Protein backbone atom coordinates (compact mmCIF):
# COMPACT_ATOMS: atom_id res chain seq x y z
CA UNK A 1 -16.25 26.96 -103.84
CA UNK A 2 -14.43 24.47 -101.64
CA UNK A 3 -11.04 24.55 -103.35
CA UNK A 4 -9.52 27.55 -105.11
CA UNK A 5 -6.10 29.03 -105.84
CA UNK A 6 -4.26 30.55 -102.90
CA UNK A 7 -5.47 33.95 -101.77
CA UNK A 8 -2.00 35.12 -100.92
CA UNK A 9 -2.43 37.82 -103.55
CA UNK A 10 -5.60 39.42 -104.86
CA UNK A 11 -6.91 37.67 -107.94
CA UNK A 12 -7.31 39.65 -111.18
CA UNK A 13 -10.75 41.16 -111.58
CA UNK A 14 -12.52 41.43 -114.95
CA UNK A 15 -12.92 45.03 -116.22
CA UNK A 16 -16.01 46.77 -114.83
CA UNK A 17 -16.30 44.46 -111.80
CA UNK A 18 -15.42 45.29 -108.21
CA UNK A 19 -12.70 43.13 -106.68
CA UNK A 20 -13.81 41.15 -103.63
CA UNK A 21 -11.39 40.77 -100.72
CA UNK A 22 -11.74 38.24 -97.94
CA UNK A 23 -11.07 39.93 -94.61
CA UNK A 24 -10.52 38.09 -91.31
CA UNK A 25 -11.73 39.54 -88.01
CA UNK A 26 -12.14 38.52 -84.38
CA UNK A 27 -15.89 39.21 -83.88
CA UNK A 28 -15.62 39.00 -80.07
CA UNK A 29 -14.01 42.42 -79.61
CA UNK A 30 -16.85 44.90 -79.16
CA UNK A 31 -17.11 47.74 -80.04
CA UNK A 32 -14.67 47.10 -82.91
CA UNK A 33 -16.28 43.90 -84.20
CA UNK A 34 -19.31 41.96 -82.96
CA UNK A 35 -22.68 40.62 -84.06
CA UNK A 36 -25.82 42.62 -83.33
CA UNK A 37 -29.24 41.20 -82.46
CA UNK A 38 -29.98 40.62 -86.16
CA UNK A 39 -26.86 38.56 -86.69
CA UNK A 40 -25.15 41.33 -88.66
CA UNK A 41 -21.41 41.96 -88.28
CA UNK A 42 -21.05 45.50 -86.97
CA UNK A 43 -18.59 47.61 -85.01
CA UNK A 44 -15.96 50.26 -85.70
CA UNK A 45 -13.76 47.92 -87.76
CA UNK A 46 -16.67 46.44 -89.70
CA UNK A 47 -18.22 49.81 -90.57
CA UNK A 48 -14.80 51.21 -91.42
CA UNK A 49 -13.70 48.47 -93.82
CA UNK A 50 -17.07 48.52 -95.59
CA UNK A 51 -17.03 52.30 -95.90
CA UNK A 52 -13.48 52.21 -97.27
CA UNK A 53 -14.50 49.49 -99.71
CA UNK A 54 -17.39 51.61 -100.94
CA UNK A 55 -15.10 54.63 -101.27
CA UNK A 56 -12.43 52.68 -103.14
CA UNK A 57 -14.66 50.47 -105.25
CA UNK A 58 -14.08 47.02 -103.76
CA UNK A 59 -16.31 44.55 -101.90
CA UNK A 60 -15.44 42.71 -98.70
CA UNK A 61 -16.30 39.22 -97.51
CA UNK A 62 -15.83 39.00 -93.75
CA UNK A 63 -14.51 35.78 -92.22
CA UNK A 64 -15.19 35.81 -88.48
CA UNK A 65 -12.64 33.78 -86.50
CA UNK A 66 -10.72 34.26 -83.27
CA UNK A 67 -7.81 36.70 -83.17
CA UNK A 68 -5.14 33.98 -83.21
CA UNK A 69 -6.88 32.17 -86.07
CA UNK A 70 -7.19 35.43 -88.01
CA UNK A 71 -3.41 35.87 -87.80
CA UNK A 72 -2.92 32.39 -89.21
CA UNK A 73 -5.53 32.95 -91.91
CA UNK A 74 -3.59 35.96 -93.22
CA UNK A 75 -0.17 34.28 -93.19
CA UNK A 76 -1.53 31.06 -94.74
CA UNK A 77 -3.26 32.89 -97.60
CA UNK A 78 -6.79 31.92 -96.54
CA UNK A 79 -7.75 35.62 -96.53
CA UNK A 80 -6.40 38.80 -98.13
CA UNK A 81 -6.23 40.93 -94.97
CA UNK A 82 -7.18 41.33 -91.33
CA UNK A 83 -8.89 44.04 -89.30
CA UNK A 84 -9.45 43.15 -85.65
CA UNK A 85 -8.25 45.91 -83.36
CA UNK A 86 -4.70 44.78 -84.16
CA UNK A 87 -1.93 46.84 -82.58
CA UNK A 88 0.95 47.85 -84.84
CA UNK A 89 4.17 46.55 -83.25
CA UNK A 90 7.72 46.07 -84.49
CA UNK A 91 7.44 42.33 -83.89
CA UNK A 92 4.34 42.05 -86.06
CA UNK A 93 5.89 44.19 -88.79
CA UNK A 94 8.28 41.31 -89.44
CA UNK A 95 5.31 39.20 -90.59
CA UNK A 96 2.67 41.74 -91.69
CA UNK A 97 2.46 44.95 -93.67
CA UNK A 98 0.27 47.51 -91.91
CA UNK A 99 -1.90 50.34 -93.10
CA UNK A 100 -1.74 53.85 -91.71
CA UNK A 101 -3.07 53.81 -88.12
CA UNK A 102 -6.84 54.10 -87.97
CA UNK A 103 -7.28 54.26 -84.16
CA UNK A 104 -5.01 55.31 -81.30
CA UNK A 105 -5.59 52.97 -78.40
CA UNK A 106 -4.78 53.06 -74.70
CA UNK A 107 -4.99 50.69 -71.74
CA UNK A 108 -6.99 50.81 -68.51
CA UNK A 109 -7.43 48.45 -65.59
CA UNK A 110 -10.91 47.46 -64.45
CA UNK A 111 -12.38 45.53 -61.52
CA UNK A 112 -15.92 44.48 -60.57
CA UNK A 113 -18.11 47.35 -59.34
CA UNK A 114 -18.35 45.73 -55.90
CA UNK A 115 -14.56 45.63 -55.44
CA UNK A 116 -13.39 48.39 -53.09
CA UNK A 117 -9.97 46.89 -52.33
CA UNK A 118 -8.21 47.47 -55.64
CA UNK A 119 -7.81 51.09 -56.65
CA UNK A 120 -4.47 51.04 -58.42
CA UNK A 121 -1.57 48.90 -59.59
CA UNK A 122 -0.01 48.83 -56.12
CA UNK A 123 -3.04 46.85 -54.83
CA UNK A 124 -2.27 43.94 -57.21
CA UNK A 125 0.72 42.58 -55.24
CA UNK A 126 0.47 38.79 -54.95
CA UNK A 127 -2.62 38.66 -57.16
CA UNK A 128 -3.43 37.42 -60.67
CA UNK A 129 -4.86 39.53 -63.48
CA UNK A 130 -6.64 38.49 -66.68
CA UNK A 131 -5.56 39.62 -70.15
CA UNK A 132 -6.43 38.75 -73.74
CA UNK A 133 -4.00 37.26 -76.26
CA UNK A 134 -2.32 39.77 -78.55
CA UNK A 135 -3.77 42.95 -77.01
CA UNK A 136 -2.22 46.16 -75.78
CA UNK A 137 -3.67 45.33 -72.38
CA UNK A 138 -1.64 42.12 -72.25
CA UNK A 139 1.55 43.88 -73.36
CA UNK A 140 1.13 46.63 -70.77
CA UNK A 141 0.37 44.16 -67.96
CA UNK A 142 3.50 42.19 -68.82
CA UNK A 143 5.60 45.39 -68.74
CA UNK A 144 4.62 46.29 -65.16
CA UNK A 145 3.88 42.95 -63.48
CA UNK A 146 7.36 42.55 -61.99
CA UNK A 147 7.27 46.10 -60.64
CA UNK A 148 3.93 45.58 -58.89
CA UNK A 149 4.25 41.87 -58.06
CA UNK A 150 1.29 40.30 -59.88
CA UNK A 151 0.94 37.46 -62.41
CA UNK A 152 -0.97 37.30 -65.70
CA UNK A 153 -3.40 34.74 -67.11
CA UNK A 154 -4.24 34.75 -70.83
CA UNK A 155 -7.58 34.22 -72.57
CA UNK A 156 -8.61 33.94 -76.21
CA UNK A 157 -11.57 36.33 -75.99
CA UNK A 158 -12.77 39.27 -73.93
CA UNK A 159 -15.88 37.58 -72.51
CA UNK A 160 -13.83 34.75 -70.97
CA UNK A 161 -11.42 37.29 -69.52
CA UNK A 162 -14.21 39.24 -67.83
CA UNK A 163 -15.83 36.03 -66.57
CA UNK A 164 -12.52 35.03 -64.99
CA UNK A 165 -12.57 38.18 -62.86
CA UNK A 166 -16.27 37.87 -62.00
CA UNK A 167 -15.59 34.43 -60.52
CA UNK A 168 -12.83 35.88 -58.34
CA UNK A 169 -10.08 33.73 -59.85
CA UNK A 170 -8.35 36.89 -61.09
CA UNK A 171 -8.38 40.30 -59.46
CA UNK A 172 -8.58 42.64 -62.45
CA UNK A 173 -8.48 42.96 -66.22
CA UNK A 174 -6.20 45.03 -68.42
CA UNK A 175 -7.99 45.96 -71.61
CA UNK A 176 -8.04 48.54 -74.39
CA UNK A 177 -10.01 51.51 -73.08
CA UNK A 178 -12.74 51.58 -75.81
CA UNK A 179 -13.54 47.92 -75.14
CA UNK A 180 -13.86 48.61 -71.42
CA UNK A 181 -15.98 51.71 -72.03
CA UNK A 182 -18.36 49.84 -74.31
CA UNK A 183 -18.70 46.90 -71.93
CA UNK A 184 -19.43 49.15 -68.96
CA UNK A 185 -22.15 50.91 -70.94
CA UNK A 186 -23.69 47.53 -71.69
CA UNK A 187 -23.85 46.73 -67.98
CA UNK A 188 -21.02 44.23 -67.64
CA UNK A 189 -20.64 45.10 -63.93
CA UNK A 190 -17.10 46.52 -64.11
CA UNK A 191 -15.52 49.89 -63.35
CA UNK A 192 -12.21 51.42 -64.35
CA UNK A 193 -9.79 52.26 -61.54
CA UNK A 194 -6.84 53.75 -63.43
CA UNK A 195 -6.26 56.51 -65.93
CA UNK A 196 -5.73 55.59 -69.58
CA UNK A 197 -2.15 54.56 -70.29
CA UNK A 198 -0.68 55.42 -73.71
CA UNK A 199 -1.01 52.53 -76.13
CA UNK A 200 -0.12 51.58 -79.67
CA UNK A 201 -2.21 52.29 -82.73
CA UNK A 202 -4.50 49.86 -84.57
CA UNK A 203 -3.85 49.02 -88.18
CA UNK A 204 -5.23 46.98 -91.05
CA UNK A 205 -2.82 44.13 -91.91
CA UNK A 206 -1.88 42.00 -94.90
CA UNK A 207 0.78 39.32 -95.19
CA UNK A 208 4.31 40.65 -95.64
CA UNK A 209 4.97 41.60 -99.26
CA UNK A 210 1.49 40.69 -100.48
CA UNK A 211 -1.71 42.51 -101.45
CA UNK A 212 -0.03 45.90 -101.77
CA UNK A 213 -2.95 47.23 -103.84
CA UNK A 214 -5.42 46.41 -101.05
CA UNK A 215 -3.22 48.17 -98.50
CA UNK A 216 -2.91 51.22 -100.73
CA UNK A 217 -6.68 51.34 -101.23
CA UNK A 218 -7.27 51.10 -97.48
CA UNK A 219 -4.97 54.05 -96.79
CA UNK A 220 -6.56 56.16 -99.50
CA UNK A 221 -10.07 55.34 -98.32
CA UNK A 222 -9.19 56.02 -94.67
CA UNK A 223 -7.88 59.47 -95.60
CA UNK A 224 -11.05 60.23 -97.55
CA UNK A 225 -13.31 59.14 -94.65
CA UNK A 226 -11.41 61.34 -92.22
CA UNK A 227 -11.67 64.32 -94.57
CA UNK A 228 -15.41 63.83 -95.08
CA UNK A 229 -16.21 63.38 -91.39
CA UNK A 230 -17.60 59.87 -91.88
CA UNK A 231 -14.76 58.41 -89.79
CA UNK A 232 -15.81 60.49 -86.77
CA UNK A 233 -19.44 59.46 -87.29
CA UNK A 234 -18.45 55.78 -87.14
CA UNK A 235 -16.56 56.28 -83.86
CA UNK A 236 -19.45 58.24 -82.36
CA UNK A 237 -21.87 55.43 -83.18
CA UNK A 238 -20.06 53.00 -80.88
CA UNK A 239 -18.16 55.21 -78.42
CA UNK A 240 -20.68 58.03 -77.96
CA UNK A 241 -22.94 58.58 -74.98
CA UNK A 242 -26.07 57.10 -76.58
CA UNK A 243 -25.33 53.41 -75.96
CA UNK A 244 -28.37 51.72 -74.42
CA UNK A 245 -28.80 48.64 -72.29
CA UNK A 246 -30.92 45.68 -73.38
CA UNK A 247 -33.14 43.29 -71.47
CA UNK A 248 -30.53 40.85 -70.14
CA UNK A 249 -32.86 38.59 -68.17
CA UNK A 250 -32.98 34.96 -69.30
CA UNK A 251 -36.34 35.46 -71.02
CA UNK A 252 -35.12 38.71 -72.57
CA UNK A 253 -31.97 37.05 -73.87
CA UNK A 254 -33.92 34.11 -75.33
CA UNK A 255 -36.29 36.51 -77.09
CA UNK A 256 -33.50 38.62 -78.58
CA UNK A 257 -31.04 35.84 -79.46
CA UNK A 258 -33.10 32.77 -80.38
CA UNK A 259 -32.71 33.25 -84.19
CA UNK A 260 -28.91 33.21 -83.84
CA UNK A 261 -29.00 30.31 -81.38
CA UNK A 262 -31.18 28.23 -83.70
CA UNK A 263 -28.81 28.90 -86.60
CA UNK A 264 -25.88 27.80 -84.46
CA UNK A 265 -27.76 24.69 -83.33
CA UNK A 266 -28.64 23.81 -86.92
CA UNK A 267 -25.00 24.08 -88.01
CA UNK A 268 -24.01 21.88 -85.06
CA UNK A 269 -26.51 19.22 -86.12
CA UNK A 270 -25.48 19.37 -89.79
CA UNK A 271 -21.79 19.10 -88.92
CA UNK A 272 -22.49 16.15 -86.65
CA UNK A 273 -24.75 14.30 -89.12
CA UNK A 274 -22.44 14.69 -92.11
CA UNK A 275 -19.31 13.84 -90.12
CA UNK A 276 -20.86 10.78 -88.48
CA UNK A 277 -22.06 9.46 -91.86
CA UNK A 278 -18.53 9.72 -93.26
CA UNK A 279 -16.99 8.40 -90.04
CA UNK A 280 -19.17 5.28 -90.20
CA UNK A 281 -17.71 4.45 -93.60
CA UNK A 282 -14.15 5.21 -92.49
CA UNK A 283 -14.65 3.23 -89.29
CA UNK A 284 -15.94 0.22 -91.19
CA UNK A 285 -13.07 0.27 -93.69
CA UNK A 286 -10.24 0.79 -91.22
CA UNK A 287 -11.88 -1.42 -88.62
CA UNK A 288 -11.82 -4.29 -91.11
CA UNK A 289 -8.23 -3.40 -91.95
CA UNK A 290 -7.39 -3.75 -88.25
CA UNK A 291 -8.58 -7.37 -88.14
CA UNK A 292 -7.38 -8.31 -91.60
CA UNK A 293 -4.99 -11.19 -92.09
CA UNK A 294 -2.98 -9.01 -94.48
CA UNK A 295 -0.10 -7.37 -92.60
CA UNK A 296 -0.07 -4.32 -94.91
CA UNK A 297 -3.78 -3.60 -94.36
CA UNK A 298 -3.34 -4.05 -90.60
CA UNK A 299 -0.45 -1.57 -90.64
CA UNK A 300 -2.52 0.99 -92.57
CA UNK A 301 -5.44 0.61 -90.16
CA UNK A 302 -3.21 0.84 -87.10
CA UNK A 303 -1.42 3.96 -88.39
CA UNK A 304 -4.69 5.75 -89.12
CA UNK A 305 -6.13 4.96 -85.69
CA UNK A 306 -2.93 5.88 -83.83
CA UNK A 307 -2.53 9.22 -85.62
CA UNK A 308 -6.07 10.49 -85.10
CA UNK A 309 -6.53 9.09 -81.60
CA UNK A 310 -3.06 10.21 -80.55
CA UNK A 311 -3.33 13.91 -81.47
CA UNK A 312 -5.74 16.55 -80.07
CA UNK A 313 -8.77 17.44 -82.17
CA UNK A 314 -7.81 21.13 -81.94
CA UNK A 315 -4.42 20.45 -83.50
CA UNK A 316 -6.06 18.40 -86.26
CA UNK A 317 -8.46 21.27 -87.04
CA UNK A 318 -5.63 23.80 -87.30
CA UNK A 319 -3.50 21.47 -89.41
CA UNK A 320 -6.29 20.64 -91.86
CA UNK A 321 -7.60 24.20 -92.19
CA UNK A 322 -4.36 26.19 -92.11
CA UNK A 323 -1.46 23.76 -92.56
CA UNK A 324 -2.48 21.67 -95.58
CA UNK A 325 -3.77 24.57 -97.73
CA UNK A 326 -0.60 26.56 -97.01
CA UNK A 327 1.66 23.66 -97.94
CA UNK A 328 -0.23 22.69 -101.11
CA UNK A 329 -1.33 26.15 -102.24
CA UNK A 330 -5.13 25.93 -102.28
CA UNK A 331 -8.03 27.31 -100.27
CA UNK A 332 -10.42 25.24 -98.17
CA UNK A 333 -13.70 26.43 -96.66
CA UNK A 334 -14.08 26.29 -92.89
CA UNK A 335 -17.09 23.98 -93.21
CA UNK A 336 -15.17 21.53 -95.38
CA UNK A 337 -12.21 21.57 -92.99
CA UNK A 338 -14.57 21.04 -90.04
CA UNK A 339 -16.26 18.05 -91.64
CA UNK A 340 -12.93 16.48 -92.61
CA UNK A 341 -11.56 17.00 -89.10
CA UNK A 342 -14.56 15.52 -87.30
CA UNK A 343 -14.91 12.65 -89.79
CA UNK A 344 -11.29 11.56 -89.55
CA UNK A 345 -11.26 11.88 -85.77
CA UNK A 346 -14.55 10.06 -85.18
CA UNK A 347 -13.66 7.48 -87.85
CA UNK A 348 -10.57 6.46 -85.87
CA UNK A 349 -12.66 5.78 -82.78
CA UNK A 350 -15.31 3.97 -84.81
CA UNK A 351 -12.61 1.78 -86.35
CA UNK A 352 -11.71 0.62 -82.86
CA UNK A 353 -15.40 0.07 -82.07
CA UNK A 354 -15.64 -2.04 -85.22
CA UNK A 355 -12.53 -4.02 -84.33
CA UNK A 356 -13.78 -4.64 -80.79
CA UNK A 357 -17.20 -5.74 -82.05
CA UNK A 358 -15.71 -8.21 -84.52
CA UNK A 359 -13.32 -9.67 -81.95
CA UNK A 360 -16.20 -10.09 -79.50
CA UNK A 361 -17.75 -12.71 -81.81
CA UNK A 362 -16.50 -16.20 -81.03
CA UNK A 363 -13.85 -17.35 -83.53
CA UNK A 364 -15.73 -20.59 -83.92
CA UNK A 365 -18.45 -18.72 -85.83
CA UNK A 366 -16.05 -17.80 -88.61
CA UNK A 367 -14.39 -21.21 -88.59
CA UNK A 368 -17.74 -22.98 -88.89
CA UNK A 369 -18.79 -20.77 -91.76
CA UNK A 370 -15.54 -21.28 -93.64
CA UNK A 371 -15.74 -25.06 -93.10
CA UNK A 372 -19.02 -25.01 -94.99
CA UNK A 373 -17.25 -23.54 -98.00
CA UNK A 374 -18.46 -19.97 -97.52
CA UNK A 375 -15.94 -17.28 -98.54
CA UNK A 376 -14.24 -15.03 -95.98
CA UNK A 377 -16.04 -11.87 -97.10
CA UNK A 378 -19.43 -13.56 -97.19
CA UNK A 379 -18.81 -15.14 -93.78
CA UNK A 380 -17.91 -11.76 -92.40
CA UNK A 381 -21.01 -10.14 -93.92
CA UNK A 382 -23.54 -12.85 -93.14
CA UNK A 383 -22.27 -14.43 -89.93
CA UNK A 384 -19.86 -12.21 -87.98
CA UNK A 385 -21.09 -8.68 -88.66
CA UNK A 386 -24.77 -9.19 -87.66
CA UNK A 387 -23.61 -10.42 -84.26
CA UNK A 388 -20.91 -7.77 -83.92
CA UNK A 389 -23.29 -4.90 -84.70
CA UNK A 390 -25.43 -5.72 -81.68
CA UNK A 391 -22.47 -5.18 -79.37
CA UNK A 392 -21.29 -2.07 -81.23
CA UNK A 393 -24.54 -0.06 -81.09
CA UNK A 394 -24.06 1.41 -77.56
CA UNK A 395 -20.52 2.52 -78.43
CA UNK A 396 -21.69 4.03 -81.71
CA UNK A 397 -24.36 6.01 -79.87
CA UNK A 398 -21.78 7.26 -77.40
CA UNK A 399 -19.46 8.34 -80.23
CA UNK A 400 -22.35 10.17 -81.92
CA UNK A 401 -22.89 12.24 -78.77
CA UNK A 402 -19.16 12.87 -78.38
CA UNK A 403 -18.90 14.10 -81.97
CA UNK A 404 -21.84 16.46 -81.45
CA UNK A 405 -20.06 18.00 -78.48
CA UNK A 406 -16.73 18.08 -80.34
CA UNK A 407 -18.23 20.47 -82.90
CA UNK A 408 -17.66 23.22 -80.32
CA UNK A 409 -13.91 22.96 -80.92
CA UNK A 410 -14.42 24.02 -84.56
CA UNK A 411 -15.14 27.57 -83.41
CA UNK A 412 -11.36 28.09 -83.62
CA UNK A 413 -11.56 28.02 -87.43
CA UNK A 414 -14.54 30.36 -87.61
CA UNK A 415 -17.52 28.01 -87.71
CA UNK A 416 -20.43 29.63 -85.86
CA UNK A 417 -21.85 26.46 -84.35
CA UNK A 418 -23.79 26.65 -81.09
CA UNK A 419 -20.85 27.29 -78.73
CA UNK A 420 -19.27 29.92 -80.97
CA UNK A 421 -22.68 31.55 -81.39
CA UNK A 422 -22.87 31.86 -77.62
CA UNK A 423 -19.42 33.45 -77.47
CA UNK A 424 -20.41 35.92 -80.17
CA UNK A 425 -23.57 36.92 -78.28
CA UNK A 426 -21.70 37.24 -74.98
CA UNK A 427 -19.13 39.50 -76.67
CA UNK A 428 -22.02 41.85 -77.40
CA UNK A 429 -23.96 41.79 -74.13
CA UNK A 430 -21.41 40.43 -71.59
CA UNK A 431 -24.09 38.20 -69.99
CA UNK A 432 -21.93 35.09 -69.70
CA UNK A 433 -23.81 33.26 -66.92
CA UNK A 434 -27.26 33.55 -68.46
CA UNK A 435 -26.08 32.79 -72.00
CA UNK A 436 -24.04 29.71 -71.05
CA UNK A 437 -27.01 28.48 -69.01
CA UNK A 438 -29.27 28.81 -72.06
CA UNK A 439 -26.74 27.09 -74.34
CA UNK A 440 -26.11 24.31 -71.82
CA UNK A 441 -29.85 23.60 -71.67
CA UNK A 442 -30.01 23.49 -75.48
CA UNK A 443 -27.16 20.98 -75.63
CA UNK A 444 -28.79 18.91 -72.89
CA UNK A 445 -32.15 18.78 -74.67
CA UNK A 446 -30.75 17.77 -78.05
CA UNK A 447 -28.35 15.17 -76.59
CA UNK A 448 -31.04 13.65 -74.38
CA UNK A 449 -33.44 13.48 -77.33
CA UNK A 450 -30.82 11.73 -79.46
CA UNK A 451 -29.92 9.36 -76.64
CA UNK A 452 -33.56 8.36 -76.05
CA UNK A 453 -34.09 7.84 -79.77
CA UNK A 454 -30.96 5.73 -80.03
CA UNK A 455 -31.93 3.65 -77.01
CA UNK A 456 -35.28 2.83 -78.59
CA UNK A 457 -33.49 1.85 -81.80
CA UNK A 458 -31.14 -0.39 -79.85
CA UNK A 459 -34.02 -2.14 -78.14
CA UNK A 460 -35.78 -2.81 -81.43
CA UNK A 461 -32.61 -4.26 -83.00
CA UNK A 462 -31.95 -6.48 -79.98
CA UNK A 463 -35.59 -7.57 -79.64
C-alpha cells in the first residue's frame, strides 16, 4: 500500500492474528545488521528482533535505511521502532523511549595493519580521525580530542569511515569494539591499538510516548531469550571465533554478489524509466507554461522550476519521504517517494529544455502560421514543436543519464538501488576498492549503452 494511516502507534490487530511492526535499521553496521550473500538481513540485531517477535507473538517488517534516516523514520511515524546498535543516551531519551539494554558496548581505536607509528591516543596529535555519525566511537573521540590534539571527521556508514583511513586522509578510526572485531575477522586490514574503553548500552527505540506495547513486548522477549540461552547463541554466531573469510578477489566478489548487484541495477533502471516518463509530461506542461502569454501560467511554471532547480535533490527526498507524511499524517513507501522526487526534479530541468527548444524556433514560424488562420495550439503542435524537438533531443538524452545517476541519492531513504547495494555488500566484506570498481563498471556499461542507443535515435529523427 502506498498511502496508509500514520504508524505513530501500532494499529489494532484482528483477534487471532499476529501484529506486524515495521522496524527501521541501518544495515551497514556489521555484525549487528547487514545483508549476507543471499540477500538476507542478518546480524545480532536482526536475529534478536525476530527471535523476540517469535517469542512474543508478533511479526516484523524490516526497513533498511541509514542510521540518520532510521531516526527520522521513527520520529515521523514511518516505522514503529528502531534497532540499529543505538546507544542509550540522556539526549536521545528526550525524543525516544528505550527498551532494557540488550548489549553493553565499548570503544576501541584501530589503524591499518601496516601502520607502526600510531600505538595510542598520544600519537594522534595534529592528526585527523574518522568516526561514524551517532556512535559511541564518535562520542568518545569528541570527549578526548582536545586532550590529545586531534580532529574528527564524520561519515554516514562504517565502510566509508574505514576507506577514509585506508586512503591516508585520516589516521585512525574510533568504533564500537564488536564492529571492529568483526571487520578484522573479515580481513578489512585493520588492527586495534588500544584497550576497550567503557561505552554505553544499546537499546531498542520507539518514538517518545508511542508504541508502549511494542516496547513492553521487546523487554519481555529479551528476558526470555536470556533465560533460555538463545541470546548467548545469537552473540556467539557473530562474535565467536568461527568467522571465516570469503574469496574477496574481483572474480570472487562478482560470483558471490552478482544476484544482489543485478537486483540493485534493475531497481535503478525501473526508477529511472518511471521517473523520466513522468518528468517528460511535467516538463512539457510546465515548459509550455513558461512560454505562455498568460502571466499566471508563466508564474506557475517559473515557481515550479525555481523551487526544484534551486534546492538539492537530497533535501527534496527527505522532505517528500519524511516531511510531508509527518505533516499530513499518512505513510508513503520509499519507492513512491523516490519516484516523486526524481520526477519533480527532472521535470524542472526538462521544462527548461522545453522552453529553450521552443524559443530556438524563429518567431516568424508562429507568426506565419497564425496569419494563415491556424489556432495557437495547433500552430504550436504542428509547426513549432516538430522543429523544437530536434534541438531538444541531445538535452533530453543528457537529462536521462543524469537522472539515472541521481537514483544513487535515494539510498538515504532506504531504496536499495545499485549504489546502496554496493554499500550494503561492502558493509559485509569491507572490500571497498574492488566493489566500487565493479559498480563503476556496471554504471559505465549501462550509461554507454543508453547513450549509443539514444544517439542512433537522434540520427534517425534528424535524417
